Amino acid sequence: MRTGKFWIVMSETRGPATYPVRHCSEEIAFNEAERLARIHGGKFFVLEAIGASAKVEVQTARFDDGDGIPF
C-alpha cells in the first residue's frame, strides 16, 4: 500500500476522475483545481487523504542468517 499524504481534485458536478491523479503537495493540487476550473467552469474540490485501511491476506517473511547454510 502506498503511504504518505496526497491530494486529489474532484469536480462538484462530475465527481472524481476515473483515474484520479495523486498530487504530492497541497499547492500542486490547488493549481490543478484552478486550471480545471478555468477550462471547464464549475467548482473543483481539493481532497486530502488522511488515512487508509487495508486487508492483508498473505504475509511472507524470509529469514536469512547470512552464512548460506540452510539450517
PDB file of N, CA and C in Angstrom:
ATOM      1  N   MET A   1       0.853  -1.181   0.000  1.00  0.00           N
ATOM      2  CA  MET A   1       0.000   0.000   0.000  1.00  0.00           C
ATOM      3  C   MET A   1       0.893   1.237   0.000  1.00  0.00           C
ATOM      4  N   ARG A   2       0.565   2.173  -0.861  1.00  0.00           N
ATOM      5  CA  ARG A   2       1.288   3.443  -0.875  1.00  0.00           C
ATOM      6  C   ARG A   2       0.942   4.206   0.397  1.00  0.00           C
ATOM      7  N   THR A   3       1.938   4.812   0.972  1.00  0.00           N
ATOM      8  CA  THR A   3       1.694   5.571   2.184  1.00  0.00           C
ATOM      9  C   THR A   3       2.133   7.010   1.991  1.00  0.00           C
ATOM     10  N   GLY A   4       1.749   7.848   2.898  1.00  0.00           N
ATOM     11  CA  GLY A   4       2.096   9.255   2.821  1.00  0.00           C
ATOM     12  C   GLY A   4       0.916  10.068   2.346  1.00  0.00           C
ATOM     13  N   LYS A   5       0.984  11.336   2.640  1.00  0.00           N
ATOM     14  CA  LYS A   5      -0.104  12.237   2.253  1.00  0.00           C
ATOM     15  C   LYS A   5      -0.141  12.448   0.750  1.00  0.00           C
ATOM     16  N   PHE A   6      -1.348  12.619   0.240  1.00  0.00           N
ATOM     17  CA  PHE A   6      -1.531  13.043  -1.144  1.00  0.00           C
ATOM     18  C   PHE A   6      -2.867  13.740  -1.244  1.00  0.00           C
ATOM     19  N   TRP A   7      -3.072  14.464  -2.330  1.00  0.00           N
ATOM     20  CA  TRP A   7      -4.289  15.227  -2.567  1.00  0.00           C
ATOM     21  C   TRP A   7      -4.812  14.869  -3.944  1.00  0.00           C
ATOM     22  N   ILE A   8      -6.147  14.829  -4.080  1.00  0.00           N
ATOM     23  CA  ILE A   8      -6.767  14.658  -5.397  1.00  0.00           C
ATOM     24  C   ILE A   8      -7.750  15.807  -5.608  1.00  0.00           C
ATOM     25  N   VAL A   9      -8.100  16.022  -6.874  1.00  0.00           N
ATOM     26  CA  VAL A   9      -9.031  17.083  -7.248  1.00  0.00           C
ATOM     27  C   VAL A   9     -10.299  16.419  -7.757  1.00  0.00           C
ATOM     28  N   MET A  10     -11.449  16.942  -7.312  1.00  0.00           N
ATOM     29  CA  MET A  10     -12.729  16.368  -7.703  1.00  0.00           C
ATOM     30  C   MET A  10     -13.682  17.472  -8.148  1.00  0.00           C
ATOM     31  N   SER A  11     -14.372  17.227  -9.247  1.00  0.00           N
ATOM     32  CA  SER A  11     -15.373  18.152  -9.750  1.00  0.00           C
ATOM     33  C   SER A  11     -16.645  18.045  -8.917  1.00  0.00           C
ATOM     34  N   GLU A  12     -17.247  19.185  -8.611  1.00  0.00           N
ATOM     35  CA  GLU A  12     -18.514  19.184  -7.859  1.00  0.00           C
ATOM     36  C   GLU A  12     -19.619  18.472  -8.623  1.00  0.00           C
ATOM     37  N   THR A  13     -19.660  18.629  -9.942  1.00  0.00           N
ATOM     38  CA  THR A  13     -20.749  18.057 -10.731  1.00  0.00           C
ATOM     39  C   THR A  13     -20.408  16.708 -11.359  1.00  0.00           C
ATOM     40  N   ARG A  14     -19.159  16.483 -11.694  1.00  0.00           N
ATOM     41  CA  ARG A  14     -18.761  15.241 -12.369  1.00  0.00           C
ATOM     42  C   ARG A  14     -18.192  14.199 -11.423  1.00  0.00           C
ATOM     43  N   GLY A  15     -17.874  14.593 -10.193  1.00  0.00           N
ATOM     44  CA  GLY A  15     -17.273  13.664  -9.239  1.00  0.00           C
ATOM     45  C   GLY A  15     -15.793  13.477  -9.522  1.00  0.00           C
ATOM     46  N   PRO A  16     -15.199  12.459  -8.918  1.00  0.00           N
ATOM     47  CA  PRO A  16     -13.768  12.229  -9.126  1.00  0.00           C
ATOM     48  C   PRO A  16     -13.499  11.673 -10.512  1.00  0.00           C
ATOM     49  N   ALA A  17     -12.290  11.864 -10.978  1.00  0.00           N
ATOM     50  CA  ALA A  17     -11.883  11.310 -12.274  1.00  0.00           C
ATOM     51  C   ALA A  17     -11.883   9.787 -12.191  1.00  0.00           C
ATOM     52  N   THR A  18     -11.979   9.133 -13.337  1.00  0.00           N
ATOM     53  CA  THR A  18     -11.911   7.676 -13.377  1.00  0.00           C
ATOM     54  C   THR A  18     -10.598   7.184 -12.786  1.00  0.00           C
ATOM     55  N   TYR A  19      -9.516   7.866 -13.132  1.00  0.00           N
ATOM     56  CA  TYR A  19      -8.193   7.563 -12.589  1.00  0.00           C
ATOM     57  C   TYR A  19      -7.638   8.844 -11.970  1.00  0.00           C
ATOM     58  N   PRO A  20      -8.024   9.155 -10.734  1.00  0.00           N
ATOM     59  CA  PRO A  20      -7.587  10.416 -10.142  1.00  0.00           C
ATOM     60  C   PRO A  20      -6.075  10.481  -9.967  1.00  0.00           C
ATOM     61  N   VAL A  21      -5.534  11.656 -10.190  1.00  0.00           N
ATOM     62  CA  VAL A  21      -4.099  11.887 -10.042  1.00  0.00           C
ATOM     63  C   VAL A  21      -3.810  12.160  -8.572  1.00  0.00           C
ATOM     64  N   ARG A  22      -2.785  11.528  -8.044  1.00  0.00           N
ATOM     65  CA  ARG A  22      -2.342  11.780  -6.666  1.00  0.00           C
ATOM     66  C   ARG A  22      -1.301  12.901  -6.711  1.00  0.00           C
ATOM     67  N   HIS A  23      -1.692  14.046  -6.219  1.00  0.00           N
ATOM     68  CA  HIS A  23      -0.767  15.183  -6.182  1.00  0.00           C
ATOM     69  C   HIS A  23       0.065  15.099  -4.911  1.00  0.00           C
ATOM     70  N   CYS A  24       1.356  15.372  -5.027  1.00  0.00           N
ATOM     71  CA  CYS A  24       2.268  15.206  -3.895  1.00  0.00           C
ATOM     72  C   CYS A  24       2.281  16.400  -2.950  1.00  0.00           C
ATOM     73  N   SER A  25       1.610  17.485  -3.322  1.00  0.00           N
ATOM     74  CA  SER A  25       1.535  18.632  -2.409  1.00  0.00           C
ATOM     75  C   SER A  25       0.178  19.313  -2.559  1.00  0.00           C
ATOM     76  N   GLU A  26      -0.210  19.989  -1.494  1.00  0.00           N
ATOM     77  CA  GLU A  26      -1.461  20.739  -1.493  1.00  0.00           C
ATOM     78  C   GLU A  26      -1.423  21.845  -2.545  1.00  0.00           C
ATOM     79  N   GLU A  27      -0.295  22.512  -2.660  1.00  0.00           N
ATOM     80  CA  GLU A  27      -0.152  23.605  -3.620  1.00  0.00           C
ATOM     81  C   GLU A  27      -0.354  23.122  -5.050  1.00  0.00           C
ATOM     82  N   ILE A  28       0.243  22.000  -5.388  1.00  0.00           N
ATOM     83  CA  ILE A  28       0.099  21.457  -6.748  1.00  0.00           C
ATOM     84  C   ILE A  28      -1.362  21.090  -7.011  1.00  0.00           C
ATOM     85  N   ALA A  29      -2.032  20.521  -6.023  1.00  0.00           N
ATOM     86  CA  ALA A  29      -3.442  20.152  -6.188  1.00  0.00           C
ATOM     87  C   ALA A  29      -4.310  21.391  -6.400  1.00  0.00           C
ATOM     88  N   PHE A  30      -4.060  22.467  -5.634  1.00  0.00           N
ATOM     89  CA  PHE A  30      -4.832  23.690  -5.822  1.00  0.00           C
ATOM     90  C   PHE A  30      -4.562  24.308  -7.192  1.00  0.00           C
ATOM     91  N   ASN A  31      -3.331  24.245  -7.654  1.00  0.00           N
ATOM     92  CA  ASN A  31      -3.017  24.743  -9.006  1.00  0.00           C
ATOM     93  C   ASN A  31      -3.809  23.974 -10.060  1.00  0.00           C
ATOM     94  N   GLU A  32      -3.909  22.667  -9.872  1.00  0.00           N
ATOM     95  CA  GLU A  32      -4.676  21.842 -10.819  1.00  0.00           C
ATOM     96  C   GLU A  32      -6.165  22.159 -10.734  1.00  0.00           C
ATOM     97  N   ALA A  33      -6.696  22.340  -9.531  1.00  0.00           N
ATOM     98  CA  ALA A  33      -8.108  22.699  -9.376  1.00  0.00           C
ATOM     99  C   ALA A  33      -8.410  24.020 -10.068  1.00  0.00           C
ATOM    100  N   GLU A  34      -7.524  24.992  -9.924  1.00  0.00           N
ATOM    101  CA  GLU A  34      -7.704  26.287 -10.594  1.00  0.00           C
ATOM    102  C   GLU A  34      -7.644  26.141 -12.102  1.00  0.00           C
ATOM    103  N   ARG A  35      -6.707  25.326 -12.588  1.00  0.00           N
ATOM    104  CA  ARG A  35      -6.582  25.105 -14.036  1.00  0.00           C
ATOM    105  C   ARG A  35      -7.852  24.473 -14.588  1.00  0.00           C
ATOM    106  N   LEU A  36      -8.359  23.465 -13.906  1.00  0.00           N
ATOM    107  CA  LEU A  36      -9.573  22.788 -14.366  1.00  0.00           C
ATOM    108  C   LEU A  36     -10.788  23.711 -14.310  1.00  0.00           C
ATOM    109  N   ALA A  37     -10.882  24.535 -13.271  1.00  0.00           N
ATOM    110  CA  ALA A  37     -12.000  25.478 -13.159  1.00  0.00           C
ATOM    111  C   ALA A  37     -11.982  26.482 -14.307  1.00  0.00           C
ATOM    112  N   ARG A  38     -10.788  26.946 -14.684  1.00  0.00           N
ATOM    113  CA  ARG A  38     -10.681  27.887 -15.811  1.00  0.00           C
ATOM    114  C   ARG A  38     -11.153  27.239 -17.116  1.00  0.00           C
ATOM    115  N   ILE A  39     -10.776  25.986 -17.317  1.00  0.00           N
ATOM    116  CA  ILE A  39     -11.098  25.288 -18.570  1.00  0.00           C
ATOM    117  C   ILE A  39     -12.562  24.860 -18.621  1.00  0.00           C
ATOM    118  N   HIS A  40     -13.053  24.248 -17.536  1.00  0.00           N
ATOM    119  CA  HIS A  40     -14.375  23.612 -17.551  1.00  0.00           C
ATOM    120  C   HIS A  40     -15.463  24.406 -16.840  1.00  0.00           C
ATOM    121  N   GLY A  41     -15.081  25.422 -16.067  1.00  0.00           N
ATOM    122  CA  GLY A  41     -16.065  26.128 -15.253  1.00  0.00           C
ATOM    123  C   GLY A  41     -16.477  25.254 -14.079  1.00  0.00           C
ATOM    124  N   GLY A  42     -17.335  25.770 -13.250  1.00  0.00           N
ATOM    125  CA  GLY A  42     -17.801  24.992 -12.106  1.00  0.00           C
ATOM    126  C   GLY A  42     -16.807  25.022 -10.960  1.00  0.00           C
ATOM    127  N   LYS A  43     -17.061  24.163  -9.990  1.00  0.00           N
ATOM    128  CA  LYS A  43     -16.262  24.125  -8.769  1.00  0.00           C
ATOM    129  C   LYS A  43     -15.490  22.817  -8.690  1.00  0.00           C
ATOM    130  N   PHE A  44     -14.226  22.924  -8.280  1.00  0.00           N
ATOM    131  CA  PHE A  44     -13.375  21.756  -8.098  1.00  0.00           C
ATOM    132  C   PHE A  44     -12.853  21.741  -6.670  1.00  0.00           C
ATOM    133  N   PHE A  45     -13.000  20.610  -6.008  1.00  0.00           N
ATOM    134  CA  PHE A  45     -12.568  20.455  -4.624  1.00  0.00           C
ATOM    135  C   PHE A  45     -11.183  19.827  -4.569  1.00  0.00           C
ATOM    136  N   VAL A  46     -10.391  20.217  -3.586  1.00  0.00           N
ATOM    137  CA  VAL A  46      -9.112  19.579  -3.304  1.00  0.00           C
ATOM    138  C   VAL A  46      -9.327  18.716  -2.064  1.00  0.00           C
ATOM    139  N   LEU A  47      -9.113  17.413  -2.209  1.00  0.00           N
ATOM    140  CA  LEU A  47      -9.334  16.456  -1.128  1.00  0.00           C
ATOM    141  C   LEU A  47      -7.995  15.901  -0.656  1.00  0.00           C
ATOM    142  N   GLU A  48      -7.835  15.812   0.661  1.00  0.00           N
ATOM    143  CA  GLU A  48      -6.594  15.307   1.246  1.00  0.00           C
ATOM    144  C   GLU A  48      -6.832  13.915   1.829  1.00  0.00           C
ATOM    145  N   ALA A  49      -5.952  12.988   1.507  1.00  0.00           N
ATOM    146  CA  ALA A  49      -6.003  11.658   2.112  1.00  0.00           C
ATOM    147  C   ALA A  49      -5.476  11.778   3.536  1.00  0.00           C
ATOM    148  N   ILE A  50      -6.277  11.337   4.496  1.00  0.00           N
ATOM    149  CA  ILE A  50      -5.859  11.451   5.897  1.00  0.00           C
ATOM    150  C   ILE A  50      -5.584  10.094   6.535  1.00  0.00           C
ATOM    151  N   GLY A  51      -5.799   9.022   5.802  1.00  0.00           N
ATOM    152  CA  GLY A  51      -5.537   7.692   6.332  1.00  0.00           C
ATOM    153  C   GLY A  51      -5.936   6.635   5.324  1.00  0.00           C
ATOM    154  N   ALA A  52      -5.687   5.378   5.668  1.00  0.00           N
ATOM    155  CA  ALA A  52      -6.026   4.273   4.771  1.00  0.00           C
ATOM    156  C   ALA A  52      -6.260   3.009   5.590  1.00  0.00           C
ATOM    157  N   SER A  53      -7.062   2.117   5.051  1.00  0.00           N
ATOM    158  CA  SER A  53      -7.289   0.803   5.645  1.00  0.00           C
ATOM    159  C   SER A  53      -7.029  -0.239   4.576  1.00  0.00           C
ATOM    160  N   ALA A  54      -6.515  -1.389   4.977  1.00  0.00           N
ATOM    161  CA  ALA A  54      -6.245  -2.457   4.016  1.00  0.00           C
ATOM    162  C   ALA A  54      -6.400  -3.808   4.692  1.00  0.00           C
ATOM    163  N   LYS A  55      -6.869  -4.773   3.939  1.00  0.00           N
ATOM    164  CA  LYS A  55      -6.936  -6.143   4.416  1.00  0.00           C
ATOM    165  C   LYS A  55      -5.706  -6.875   3.890  1.00  0.00           C
ATOM    166  N   VAL A  56      -4.960  -7.479   4.783  1.00  0.00           N
ATOM    167  CA  VAL A  56      -3.770  -8.226   4.388  1.00  0.00           C
ATOM    168  C   VAL A  56      -4.100  -9.709   4.532  1.00  0.00           C
ATOM    169  N   GLU A  57      -4.112 -10.417   3.405  1.00  0.00           N
ATOM    170  CA  GLU A  57      -4.478 -11.824   3.435  1.00  0.00           C
ATOM    171  C   GLU A  57      -3.272 -12.741   3.562  1.00  0.00           C
ATOM    172  N   VAL A  58      -2.178 -12.375   2.923  1.00  0.00           N
ATOM    173  CA  VAL A  58      -0.984 -13.208   2.958  1.00  0.00           C
ATOM    174  C   VAL A  58       0.204 -12.317   3.269  1.00  0.00           C
ATOM    175  N   GLN A  59       1.004 -12.760   4.218  1.00  0.00           N
ATOM    176  CA  GLN A  59       2.212 -12.021   4.540  1.00  0.00           C
ATOM    177  C   GLN A  59       3.343 -13.030   4.637  1.00  0.00           C
ATOM    178  N   THR A  60       4.412 -12.791   3.914  1.00  0.00           N
ATOM    179  CA  THR A  60       5.545 -13.701   3.892  1.00  0.00           C
ATOM    180  C   THR A  60       6.767 -12.993   4.452  1.00  0.00           C
ATOM    181  N   ALA A  61       7.493 -13.688   5.302  1.00  0.00           N
ATOM    182  CA  ALA A  61       8.756 -13.163   5.825  1.00  0.00           C
ATOM    183  C   ALA A  61       9.831 -14.201   5.558  1.00  0.00           C
ATOM    184  N   ARG A  62      10.907 -13.788   4.927  1.00  0.00           N
ATOM    185  CA  ARG A  62      12.032 -14.691   4.673  1.00  0.00           C
ATOM    186  C   ARG A  62      13.142 -14.345   5.651  1.00  0.00           C
ATOM    187  N   PHE A  63      13.735 -15.378   6.190  1.00  0.00           N
ATOM    188  CA  PHE A  63      14.805 -15.194   7.162  1.00  0.00           C
ATOM    189  C   PHE A  63      16.092 -15.752   6.580  1.00  0.00           C
ATOM    190  N   ASP A  64      17.149 -14.994   6.701  1.00  0.00           N
ATOM    191  CA  ASP A  64      18.443 -15.419   6.182  1.00  0.00           C
ATOM    192  C   ASP A  64      19.486 -15.023   7.211  1.00  0.00           C
ATOM    193  N   ASP A  65      20.221 -16.047   7.691  1.00  0.00           N
ATOM    194  CA  ASP A  65      21.235 -15.730   8.697  1.00  0.00           C
ATOM    195  C   ASP A  65      22.542 -15.287   8.060  1.00  0.00           C
ATOM    196  N   GLY A  66      22.607 -15.331   6.728  1.00  0.00           N
ATOM    197  CA  GLY A  66      23.754 -14.772   6.029  1.00  0.00           C
ATOM    198  C   GLY A  66      24.920 -15.704   5.811  1.00  0.00           C
ATOM    199  N   ASP A  67      24.894 -16.936   6.386  1.00  0.00           N
ATOM    200  CA  ASP A  67      26.057 -17.826   6.199  1.00  0.00           C
ATOM    201  C   ASP A  67      25.879 -18.812   5.056  1.00  0.00           C
ATOM    202  N   GLY A  68      24.727 -18.832   4.399  1.00  0.00           N
ATOM    203  CA  GLY A  68      24.495 -19.719   3.263  1.00  0.00           C
ATOM    204  C   GLY A  68      24.099 -21.126   3.635  1.00  0.00           C
ATOM    205  N   ILE A  69      24.132 -21.494   4.905  1.00  0.00           N
ATOM    206  CA  ILE A  69      23.748 -22.828   5.342  1.00  0.00           C
ATOM    207  C   ILE A  69      22.248 -22.814   5.635  1.00  0.00           C
ATOM    208  N   PRO A  70      21.473 -23.725   5.015  1.00  0.00           N
ATOM    209  CA  PRO A  70      20.014 -23.656   5.125  1.00  0.00           C
ATOM    210  C   PRO A  70      19.450 -24.124   6.466  1.00  0.00           C
ATOM    211  N   PHE A  71      20.250 -24.511   7.420  1.00  0.00           N
ATOM    212  CA  PHE A  71      19.730 -24.970   8.710  1.00  0.00           C
ATOM    213  C   PHE A  71      20.612 -24.510   9.852  1.00  0.00           C
TER     214      PHE A  71
END
